[in-house]
Amino acid sequence: MIKKVKNTFRRFVPKTILDNFHYPESLFYATRYKSPSDSMIVIGIVGSKGKTTTANLLWAALSSGDHKIGQLGTANIRIGNIEKPNPWHMTMPGARNMQKLLSQMKQADCTHVIMEVPSEAQTQWRHIGINFDMIIFTGVEREIMAAHKNSMQLLHKHNKRVLTRATKSPLKIINGKEIPKTLIVNADSKDAKDYSNFSFYKKLTYSLENPSNFQAQDIQLNDNGTQFELNNTTYKINLIGKVNALNASAAVASATQLGAAARQIQKGFKNLQVIPGRMEKIDEGQKYLVFVDYAHDQISLEKLLETGRELLPKDKKMIVLFGGQGGGRDVAKRAEMGVIAGKLADYIVISDDDPYDDAPMQIIEDIAAGVRKAGKQAGKNLFLVQDRREGIHKALKLASTGDLVLIACKGADQLMMLAHNKSIAWDDRKVTREELRKILKS
C-alpha cells in the first residue's frame, strides 16, 4: 500500500523535490539509530567502476586479522562472516535500511564498515548521517543517466559532495586513537588530480599504468586467478583480469593504511574464493568455461571480453550473452556495447536485462544494430532471444569443448526490473546452473 502511494506521489512531484526530502530523512534515521557510524571506522568507495570488487577484497584483507568487518554493496552484505545477497536492487538502500544495517554491524562488534557509495544514491542524499573516515575513489567513466539529468558535470558534483562532507565531518576517537581522514585515489583515472584536491589528512594513490604509491606490476592471469607484484610483495587473488589487479591494489593501499600487514592481506585474498557475480565461475562438470559477470556498460564489457580473449585458446570460440537497461539509463551505450561485443566475441546472444518501462525488444534491437555494424549476422553468430533464461540456454548450447561462455550484465542481482515498477526474482548464477544441468542431462 505504501509503495503504491509513493509511486503515485512520484508522478506529480518533481524528482529534485523528492530527492531533497531524503536529506532530512537520512538525518532522522541516523539519529533514530544513534549514529552507529560514529562508533566504527567507515570506508566509502566512490566511482563508477570496481566498487564491489574492491569492497570485497578489502573486506577479506581486513577480516583475516582480529577484526570483525561489515560490508554493504551492490552484490552482497556482510556482518562479520555472515553474508547474504543484497535484496534491494540498490547498492545503498533507503535511509532506514542503511542505518538499521549499520546499527546491526555495531551491535555485532564490527570495528570497520566498507560501503559502496554510488553516484545515483548520492542524488538522494543516502550518504548523509554517515561519518566516513576513508574514501576510495576508483575513477569515473561515462555514466549518463536520468538521475544526473544526463550530465557528467552533475555526476561529479554529487561524488564530490561525499568527499567534501567526509573532510568536514568530525574526527573520531576509537579505542583512544584519533582516526585520520584518508583519501585513496586511482592514479590511472583521468580525474585523479581533480579528486585529489580535497583536504584529507592523508592521501595515497594506486594504479596499473601511472606512477603511484601502490602500483601493480608483472600481472599474470590464468583461468583460476590473477597474480601481481606490488611494493616488493607478490599477491594472488582468486579473480581473473588485469582490472582486478587494479581493484586489489586499491584494497592493499587501504588495508595497509588501516594497519594490515602484507601477510595478513595476502591471507585474506587467498581465503576469498569468489565475489558474487564478478567473474564468478560456474562449473557443473561441463567441458567449457562459464563465467557470470556484472559488466553492464561499454568499459566493463570491453574489459570482460578482453580478459576472455586472454584466457581463450586461439582455436576456440567465445560466446557472450548480455542486454541493456531501461529506466533512464544511457540509450546511446546500447549500440556501443553491441559494437564492442561484435568485434571481440565470436557469438552474441542478446536478451532482457532490466527493461523497466522501456520496450524490451527495442532495447535488444538497439544493441543488435551495433553488433551488426561490427559484422555479425542474425541467425549465424547473432541471436536475439528476449527471454533471458532461454537466452542463457542458447548461449550455453553454442559452446563446445574448450570454449568460453560469458553471461554478462546482471551478475549477482537478485531481481529483474520490469515495467510499472514490477520485478521478478532472478539470479543469473542460479539460472545458468539450472540450464547447464538440463544440457548435460540431455
Protein backbone atom coordinates (compact mmCIF):
# COMPACT_ATOMS: atom_id res chain seq x y z
CA MET A 1 0.00 0.00 0.00
CA ILE A 2 2.79 2.43 1.00
CA LYS A 3 4.68 1.56 -2.19
CA LYS A 4 1.60 2.39 -4.30
CA VAL A 5 1.18 5.75 -2.55
CA LYS A 6 4.84 6.61 -3.11
CA ASN A 7 4.65 5.65 -6.79
CA THR A 8 1.55 7.85 -7.24
CA PHE A 9 3.29 10.71 -5.44
CA ARG A 10 6.28 10.44 -7.80
CA ARG A 11 4.07 11.12 -10.81
CA PHE A 12 3.12 14.58 -9.60
CA VAL A 13 6.14 15.82 -7.63
CA PRO A 14 9.42 16.85 -9.37
CA LYS A 15 12.33 14.49 -8.70
CA THR A 16 14.50 17.31 -7.29
CA ILE A 17 11.93 17.94 -4.55
CA LEU A 18 11.67 14.23 -3.79
CA ASP A 19 15.46 13.95 -3.64
CA ASN A 20 15.74 16.85 -1.20
CA PHE A 21 13.21 15.14 1.06
CA HIS A 22 15.76 12.36 1.55
CA TYR A 23 18.23 14.72 3.28
CA PRO A 24 16.18 15.19 6.48
CA GLU A 25 15.05 11.57 6.20
CA SER A 26 18.68 10.41 6.33
CA LEU A 27 19.41 12.63 9.33
CA PHE A 28 16.28 11.37 11.09
CA TYR A 29 17.19 7.70 10.77
CA ALA A 30 20.82 8.33 11.73
CA THR A 31 19.53 9.94 14.94
CA ARG A 32 16.93 7.23 15.49
CA TYR A 33 19.60 4.52 15.32
CA LYS A 34 22.02 6.60 17.46
CA SER A 35 24.53 7.36 14.69
CA PRO A 36 26.17 3.92 14.53
CA SER A 37 28.80 5.05 12.00
CA ASP A 38 30.39 7.23 14.72
CA SER A 39 31.49 4.08 16.55
CA MET A 40 33.20 2.29 13.65
CA ILE A 41 35.84 3.11 11.04
CA VAL A 42 33.86 3.65 7.84
CA ILE A 43 35.39 3.31 4.37
CA GLY A 44 33.35 4.68 1.46
CA ILE A 45 34.08 3.66 -2.14
CA VAL A 46 33.15 6.25 -4.77
CA GLY A 47 33.34 5.83 -8.56
CA SER A 48 31.68 4.14 -11.50
CA LYS A 49 33.87 1.03 -11.71
CA GLY A 50 35.34 -1.55 -9.37
CA LYS A 51 33.45 -0.66 -6.20
CA THR A 52 32.08 -4.12 -5.44
CA THR A 53 35.31 -5.99 -6.17
CA THR A 54 37.39 -3.50 -4.19
CA ALA A 55 34.96 -3.68 -1.26
CA ASN A 56 35.07 -7.48 -1.13
CA LEU A 57 38.85 -7.63 -1.44
CA LEU A 58 39.25 -5.04 1.30
CA TRP A 59 36.79 -6.93 3.50
CA ALA A 60 38.87 -10.09 3.00
CA ALA A 61 42.14 -8.29 3.77
CA LEU A 62 40.84 -6.76 6.99
CA SER A 63 38.84 -9.82 8.09
CA SER A 64 41.89 -12.06 8.13
CA GLY A 65 43.12 -10.16 11.18
CA ASP A 66 41.49 -9.85 14.57
CA HIS A 67 38.69 -7.54 13.46
CA LYS A 68 35.05 -8.12 12.59
CA ILE A 69 34.23 -6.23 9.39
CA GLY A 70 30.90 -5.05 7.98
CA GLN A 71 30.27 -4.58 4.27
CA LEU A 72 27.41 -3.12 2.28
CA GLY A 73 27.31 -3.06 -1.51
CA THR A 74 25.68 -3.92 -4.80
CA ALA A 75 26.10 -7.68 -4.67
CA ASN A 76 26.31 -8.60 -1.01
CA ILE A 77 26.05 -7.57 2.62
CA ARG A 78 28.34 -8.88 5.34
CA ILE A 79 28.19 -8.57 9.10
CA GLY A 80 31.42 -10.23 10.13
CA ASN A 81 31.47 -13.64 8.48
CA ILE A 82 27.70 -13.70 7.94
CA GLU A 83 26.99 -12.93 4.28
CA LYS A 84 23.75 -12.51 2.35
CA PRO A 85 22.83 -11.15 -1.08
CA ASN A 86 21.72 -7.53 -1.32
CA PRO A 87 17.94 -7.95 -1.85
CA TRP A 88 17.06 -4.34 -2.71
CA HIS A 89 18.42 -3.87 -6.26
CA MET A 90 20.00 -0.72 -4.81
CA THR A 91 23.63 -0.50 -3.72
CA MET A 92 22.66 1.82 -0.86
CA PRO A 93 19.09 1.04 0.24
CA GLY A 94 16.90 3.73 1.78
CA ALA A 95 17.98 5.66 4.89
CA ARG A 96 16.10 3.42 7.31
CA ASN A 97 17.64 0.22 5.95
CA MET A 98 21.09 1.83 5.79
CA GLN A 99 21.11 2.95 9.40
CA LYS A 100 19.49 -0.28 10.60
CA LEU A 101 22.26 -2.30 8.93
CA LEU A 102 24.94 -0.06 10.40
CA SER A 103 23.35 -0.49 13.82
CA GLN A 104 23.37 -4.27 13.40
CA MET A 105 27.06 -4.12 12.45
CA LYS A 106 27.82 -2.05 15.54
CA GLN A 107 25.88 -4.47 17.77
CA ALA A 108 27.83 -7.36 16.23
CA ASP A 109 31.08 -5.60 17.30
CA CYS A 110 32.25 -4.73 13.80
CA THR A 111 35.23 -2.38 14.01
CA HIS A 112 35.17 -1.35 10.33
CA VAL A 113 32.48 -0.91 7.69
CA ILE A 114 33.17 -0.91 3.95
CA MET A 115 30.45 0.75 1.93
CA GLU A 116 29.94 1.36 -1.78
CA VAL A 117 28.66 4.90 -2.39
CA PRO A 118 27.29 5.11 -5.97
CA SER A 119 26.52 8.45 -7.57
CA GLU A 120 22.86 7.58 -8.07
CA ALA A 121 22.41 7.10 -4.31
CA GLN A 122 24.08 10.45 -3.70
CA THR A 123 21.29 12.21 -5.60
CA GLN A 124 19.01 11.05 -2.77
CA TRP A 125 21.46 12.05 -0.01
CA ARG A 126 21.82 8.48 1.24
CA HIS A 127 25.35 9.26 2.45
CA ILE A 128 24.05 11.85 4.92
CA GLY A 129 24.27 10.71 8.53
CA ILE A 130 27.30 8.50 7.78
CA ASN A 131 30.69 9.68 9.05
CA PHE A 132 33.31 8.43 6.57
CA ASP A 133 36.93 8.08 7.69
CA MET A 134 38.36 6.92 4.39
CA ILE A 135 37.22 7.47 0.81
CA ILE A 136 38.47 5.32 -2.08
CA PHE A 137 38.00 6.94 -5.49
CA THR A 138 38.07 4.26 -8.22
CA GLY A 139 37.54 6.61 -11.19
CA VAL A 140 34.60 7.74 -13.30
CA GLU A 141 33.83 6.63 -16.82
CA ARG A 142 30.95 7.91 -18.92
CA GLU A 143 27.87 7.20 -16.85
CA ILE A 144 24.87 9.01 -18.29
CA MET A 145 21.55 8.50 -16.53
CA ALA A 146 18.38 10.36 -15.75
CA ALA A 147 19.32 10.53 -12.07
CA HIS A 148 22.02 13.04 -13.03
CA LYS A 149 19.93 14.78 -15.68
CA ASN A 150 22.25 13.12 -18.23
CA SER A 151 25.06 15.39 -17.05
CA MET A 152 28.57 14.17 -16.21
CA GLN A 153 29.19 17.53 -14.53
CA LEU A 154 26.30 16.88 -12.14
CA LEU A 155 27.55 13.34 -11.51
CA HIS A 156 30.96 14.69 -10.47
CA LYS A 157 29.25 17.28 -8.28
CA HIS A 158 27.39 14.53 -6.44
CA ASN A 159 30.53 12.45 -6.00
CA LYS A 160 32.48 15.41 -4.69
CA ARG A 161 29.95 16.37 -2.07
CA VAL A 162 30.60 12.98 -0.45
CA LEU A 163 34.30 13.84 -0.28
CA THR A 164 33.57 17.35 0.98
CA ARG A 165 31.32 16.03 3.73
CA ALA A 166 33.94 13.47 4.77
CA THR A 167 36.57 16.20 5.24
CA LYS A 168 34.15 18.33 7.27
CA SER A 169 32.84 15.53 9.50
CA PRO A 170 34.35 15.35 12.99
CA LEU A 171 37.36 13.14 13.59
CA LYS A 172 36.60 10.01 15.55
CA ILE A 173 38.49 8.70 18.55
CA ILE A 174 38.17 4.93 18.72
CA ASN A 175 39.97 2.90 21.40
CA GLY A 176 41.89 6.03 22.37
CA LYS A 177 43.18 6.64 18.83
CA GLU A 178 42.27 9.51 16.55
CA ILE A 179 41.20 8.23 13.13
CA PRO A 180 42.70 10.39 10.34
CA LYS A 181 40.64 11.30 7.29
CA THR A 182 42.24 9.45 4.36
CA LEU A 183 41.77 9.56 0.59
CA ILE A 184 42.84 6.71 -1.71
CA VAL A 185 42.83 7.66 -5.42
CA ASN A 186 43.17 5.64 -8.63
CA ALA A 187 46.11 7.39 -10.31
CA ASP A 188 45.13 5.91 -13.68
CA SER A 189 41.84 7.81 -13.64
CA LYS A 190 41.66 10.90 -15.83
CA ASP A 191 40.02 12.66 -12.88
CA ALA A 192 42.67 11.66 -10.34
CA LYS A 193 44.15 15.16 -9.98
CA ASP A 194 40.74 16.79 -9.64
CA TYR A 195 39.59 14.39 -6.92
CA SER A 196 42.93 14.67 -5.10
CA ASN A 197 42.35 18.36 -4.34
CA PHE A 198 40.28 17.69 -1.23
CA SER A 199 41.73 18.42 2.21
CA PHE A 200 42.21 14.95 3.63
CA TYR A 201 44.85 14.40 6.31
CA LYS A 202 46.49 11.68 4.24
CA LYS A 203 46.35 10.88 0.51
CA LEU A 204 47.58 7.74 -1.24
CA THR A 205 47.41 6.54 -4.84
CA TYR A 206 47.21 3.18 -6.59
CA SER A 207 47.47 2.20 -10.27
CA LEU A 208 48.49 -0.15 -13.04
CA GLU A 209 49.89 2.37 -15.54
CA ASN A 210 50.82 5.64 -13.85
CA PRO A 211 53.36 6.00 -11.02
CA SER A 212 51.69 5.71 -7.61
CA ASN A 213 52.21 4.63 -4.02
CA PHE A 214 50.79 1.20 -4.85
CA GLN A 215 51.44 0.28 -8.49
CA ALA A 216 50.68 -3.30 -9.52
CA GLN A 217 53.20 -4.80 -11.96
CA ASP A 218 54.10 -8.12 -13.61
CA ILE A 219 50.43 -9.14 -13.85
CA GLN A 220 49.80 -12.78 -14.77
CA LEU A 221 46.41 -14.38 -15.50
CA ASN A 222 45.07 -17.92 -15.68
CA ASP A 223 41.57 -19.36 -15.50
CA ASN A 224 41.78 -19.59 -11.70
CA GLY A 225 43.05 -16.16 -10.78
CA THR A 226 45.50 -13.28 -11.12
CA GLN A 227 48.97 -12.76 -9.69
CA PHE A 228 50.84 -9.45 -9.47
CA GLU A 229 53.75 -7.69 -7.78
CA LEU A 230 53.12 -4.70 -5.53
CA ASN A 231 55.79 -2.92 -3.47
CA ASN A 232 58.09 -5.96 -3.41
CA THR A 233 55.30 -8.35 -2.43
CA THR A 234 53.62 -10.98 -4.60
CA TYR A 235 49.85 -11.09 -4.29
CA LYS A 236 47.42 -13.61 -5.75
CA ILE A 237 43.67 -13.20 -5.98
CA ASN A 238 41.07 -15.78 -6.98
CA LEU A 239 39.67 -13.39 -9.59
CA ILE A 240 40.58 -13.14 -13.24
CA GLY A 241 41.58 -9.96 -15.06
CA LYS A 242 44.04 -7.07 -15.04
CA VAL A 243 41.27 -4.78 -13.86
CA ASN A 244 41.02 -6.94 -10.73
CA ALA A 245 44.72 -6.41 -10.08
CA LEU A 246 43.86 -2.69 -10.06
CA ASN A 247 40.97 -3.27 -7.64
CA ALA A 248 43.21 -5.39 -5.44
CA SER A 249 45.80 -2.60 -5.41
CA ALA A 250 43.14 -0.27 -4.01
CA ALA A 251 42.40 -2.86 -1.32
CA VAL A 252 46.10 -3.24 -0.47
CA ALA A 253 46.58 0.53 -0.25
CA SER A 254 43.55 0.91 2.01
CA ALA A 255 44.25 -2.10 4.21
CA THR A 256 47.87 -1.05 4.65
CA GLN A 257 46.80 2.43 5.75
CA LEU A 258 44.40 0.81 8.22
CA GLY A 259 47.25 -1.17 9.77
CA ALA A 260 47.13 -4.54 7.99
CA ALA A 261 50.43 -6.24 7.18
CA ALA A 262 51.17 -7.71 3.75
CA ARG A 263 50.97 -11.26 5.13
CA GLN A 264 47.51 -10.60 6.56
CA ILE A 265 46.32 -9.06 3.29
CA GLN A 266 47.57 -12.00 1.25
CA LYS A 267 45.92 -14.44 3.64
CA GLY A 268 42.63 -12.62 3.18
CA PHE A 269 42.95 -12.65 -0.61
CA LYS A 270 43.62 -16.39 -0.52
CA ASN A 271 40.56 -17.04 1.61
CA LEU A 272 38.23 -15.04 -0.65
CA GLN A 273 37.25 -17.66 -3.20
CA VAL A 274 34.57 -15.74 -5.07
CA ILE A 275 32.92 -12.33 -5.29
CA PRO A 276 29.23 -12.77 -6.12
CA GLY A 277 28.63 -12.17 -9.81
CA ARG A 278 32.09 -10.78 -10.51
CA MET A 279 33.80 -13.10 -12.97
CA GLU A 280 32.18 -15.90 -11.00
CA LYS A 281 32.99 -19.33 -12.36
CA ILE A 282 30.06 -21.69 -12.89
CA ASP A 283 31.09 -25.33 -13.01
CA GLU A 284 28.59 -28.17 -13.34
CA GLY A 285 31.06 -30.55 -14.96
CA GLN A 286 30.77 -29.11 -18.47
CA LYS A 287 33.78 -29.21 -20.81
CA TYR A 288 33.90 -25.47 -21.40
CA LEU A 289 34.37 -22.44 -19.16
CA VAL A 290 31.37 -20.41 -17.98
CA PHE A 291 31.54 -17.15 -16.03
CA VAL A 292 28.83 -14.81 -14.76
CA ASP A 293 29.83 -11.15 -14.56
CA TYR A 294 28.20 -7.80 -13.76
CA ALA A 295 29.68 -6.00 -16.82
CA HIS A 296 26.82 -3.76 -17.95
CA ASP A 297 28.37 -0.87 -19.84
CA GLN A 298 30.92 -0.20 -22.56
CA ILE A 299 34.09 -0.12 -20.45
CA SER A 300 33.29 -3.10 -18.24
CA LEU A 301 32.04 -5.22 -21.16
CA GLU A 302 35.17 -4.46 -23.17
CA LYS A 303 37.43 -5.39 -20.24
CA LEU A 304 35.45 -8.58 -19.66
CA LEU A 305 35.76 -9.65 -23.29
CA GLU A 306 39.46 -8.72 -23.42
CA THR A 307 40.02 -10.87 -20.34
CA GLY A 308 38.11 -13.66 -22.08
CA ARG A 309 40.39 -13.37 -25.09
CA GLU A 310 43.47 -13.70 -22.86
CA LEU A 311 42.09 -16.93 -21.40
CA LEU A 312 40.85 -18.48 -24.63
CA PRO A 313 42.99 -20.68 -26.89
CA LYS A 314 43.13 -19.27 -30.42
CA ASP A 315 41.22 -22.17 -31.95
CA LYS A 316 38.30 -21.87 -29.52
CA LYS A 317 35.30 -19.55 -29.53
CA MET A 318 33.93 -17.02 -27.07
CA ILE A 319 30.17 -16.67 -26.60
CA VAL A 320 28.68 -13.73 -24.71
CA LEU A 321 25.13 -13.11 -23.54
CA PHE A 322 24.18 -9.60 -22.44
CA GLY A 323 21.43 -6.98 -22.62
CA GLY A 324 20.70 -3.35 -21.86
CA GLN A 325 18.89 -1.43 -19.14
CA GLY A 326 15.90 0.86 -19.39
CA GLY A 327 14.70 3.16 -16.64
CA GLY A 328 16.53 6.31 -17.69
CA ARG A 329 19.88 4.67 -18.46
CA ASP A 330 22.04 5.81 -21.35
CA VAL A 331 20.31 4.76 -24.60
CA ALA A 332 23.37 5.53 -26.76
CA LYS A 333 25.50 2.96 -24.94
CA ARG A 334 23.36 0.10 -26.25
CA ALA A 335 24.70 0.19 -29.82
CA GLU A 336 28.20 0.97 -28.50
CA MET A 337 28.13 -2.17 -26.38
CA GLY A 338 26.92 -4.04 -29.46
CA VAL A 339 29.91 -2.87 -31.48
CA ILE A 340 32.31 -3.93 -28.72
CA ALA A 341 30.75 -7.38 -28.45
CA GLY A 342 30.60 -7.74 -32.22
CA LYS A 343 34.34 -7.09 -32.52
CA LEU A 344 35.58 -9.14 -29.57
CA ALA A 345 33.19 -12.11 -29.25
CA ASP A 346 32.58 -14.91 -31.74
CA TYR A 347 28.90 -15.42 -30.91
CA ILE A 348 26.49 -12.97 -29.30
CA VAL A 349 23.13 -13.61 -27.65
CA ILE A 350 21.10 -10.52 -26.68
CA SER A 351 18.39 -10.91 -24.04
CA ASP A 352 16.46 -8.92 -21.44
CA ASP A 353 18.37 -7.26 -18.62
CA ASP A 354 16.36 -4.70 -16.60
CA PRO A 355 13.98 -3.16 -19.15
CA TYR A 356 11.85 -1.20 -16.66
CA ASP A 357 9.26 0.73 -18.73
CA ASP A 358 11.30 0.64 -21.96
CA ALA A 359 10.14 -1.72 -24.71
CA PRO A 360 12.28 -4.86 -24.20
CA MET A 361 12.67 -5.69 -27.89
CA GLN A 362 13.57 -2.08 -28.68
CA ILE A 363 16.48 -2.32 -26.23
CA ILE A 364 17.56 -5.58 -27.85
CA GLU A 365 17.28 -4.15 -31.36
CA ASP A 366 19.30 -1.07 -30.33
CA ILE A 367 22.11 -3.35 -29.19
CA ALA A 368 21.81 -5.59 -32.24
CA ALA A 369 22.31 -2.59 -34.53
CA GLY A 370 25.80 -2.18 -33.08
CA VAL A 371 26.55 -5.89 -33.32
CA ARG A 372 25.56 -5.90 -37.00
CA LYS A 373 27.71 -2.82 -37.58
CA ALA A 374 30.67 -4.86 -36.33
CA GLY A 375 29.94 -7.54 -38.96
CA LYS A 376 27.87 -10.17 -37.18
CA GLN A 377 24.77 -11.67 -38.85
CA ALA A 378 21.45 -12.64 -37.29
CA GLY A 379 20.94 -16.41 -37.17
CA LYS A 380 24.62 -17.07 -37.86
CA ASN A 381 26.57 -15.55 -34.96
CA LEU A 382 23.99 -13.13 -33.56
CA PHE A 383 20.85 -14.29 -31.75
CA LEU A 384 18.05 -12.15 -30.30
CA VAL A 385 16.28 -14.05 -27.52
CA GLN A 386 14.18 -11.79 -25.31
CA ASP A 387 13.54 -14.30 -22.52
CA ARG A 388 16.79 -14.27 -20.53
CA ARG A 389 16.54 -17.89 -19.39
CA GLU A 390 16.10 -19.03 -22.98
CA GLY A 391 18.95 -16.75 -23.99
CA ILE A 392 21.27 -18.27 -21.39
CA HIS A 393 20.29 -21.74 -22.59
CA LYS A 394 21.06 -20.72 -26.18
CA ALA A 395 24.48 -19.30 -25.24
CA LEU A 396 25.41 -22.48 -23.39
CA LYS A 397 24.23 -24.71 -26.26
CA LEU A 398 26.52 -22.82 -28.65
CA ALA A 399 29.59 -23.89 -26.66
CA SER A 400 31.84 -26.85 -27.42
CA THR A 401 34.79 -28.35 -25.57
CA GLY A 402 37.34 -25.70 -24.57
CA ASP A 403 35.12 -22.73 -25.42
CA LEU A 404 34.24 -19.82 -23.12
CA VAL A 405 30.75 -18.56 -22.27
CA LEU A 406 30.28 -15.19 -20.56
CA ILE A 407 26.89 -14.34 -19.03
CA ALA A 408 27.08 -10.58 -18.56
CA CYS A 409 25.20 -7.59 -17.16
CA LYS A 410 23.33 -8.79 -14.07
CA GLY A 411 25.96 -10.60 -12.02
CA ALA A 412 24.53 -11.41 -8.60
CA ASP A 413 21.43 -9.19 -8.93
CA GLN A 414 18.50 -10.78 -7.12
CA LEU A 415 15.78 -9.06 -9.14
CA MET A 416 14.91 -8.28 -12.75
CA MET A 417 13.14 -4.93 -13.06
CA LEU A 418 10.11 -4.85 -15.37
CA ALA A 419 7.52 -2.29 -16.45
CA HIS A 420 5.28 -0.41 -14.00
CA ASN A 421 7.85 -0.78 -11.20
CA LYS A 422 7.31 -4.54 -11.07
CA SER A 423 10.08 -7.05 -10.56
CA ILE A 424 10.69 -10.79 -10.57
CA ALA A 425 13.16 -12.84 -8.54
CA TRP A 426 16.27 -13.51 -10.60
CA ASP A 427 19.84 -14.74 -10.22
CA ASP A 428 21.99 -15.32 -13.32
CA ARG A 429 24.19 -17.76 -11.42
CA LYS A 430 21.25 -19.94 -10.36
CA VAL A 431 19.62 -19.87 -13.79
CA THR A 432 22.93 -20.66 -15.52
CA ARG A 433 23.48 -23.66 -13.27
CA GLU A 434 19.94 -24.90 -13.92
CA GLU A 435 20.30 -24.58 -17.68
CA LEU A 436 23.73 -26.24 -17.65
CA ARG A 437 22.25 -29.21 -15.80
CA LYS A 438 19.49 -29.54 -18.38
CA ILE A 439 22.02 -29.53 -21.20
CA LEU A 440 24.31 -32.03 -19.51
CA LYS A 441 21.39 -34.40 -18.90
CA SER A 442 20.09 -34.23 -22.48
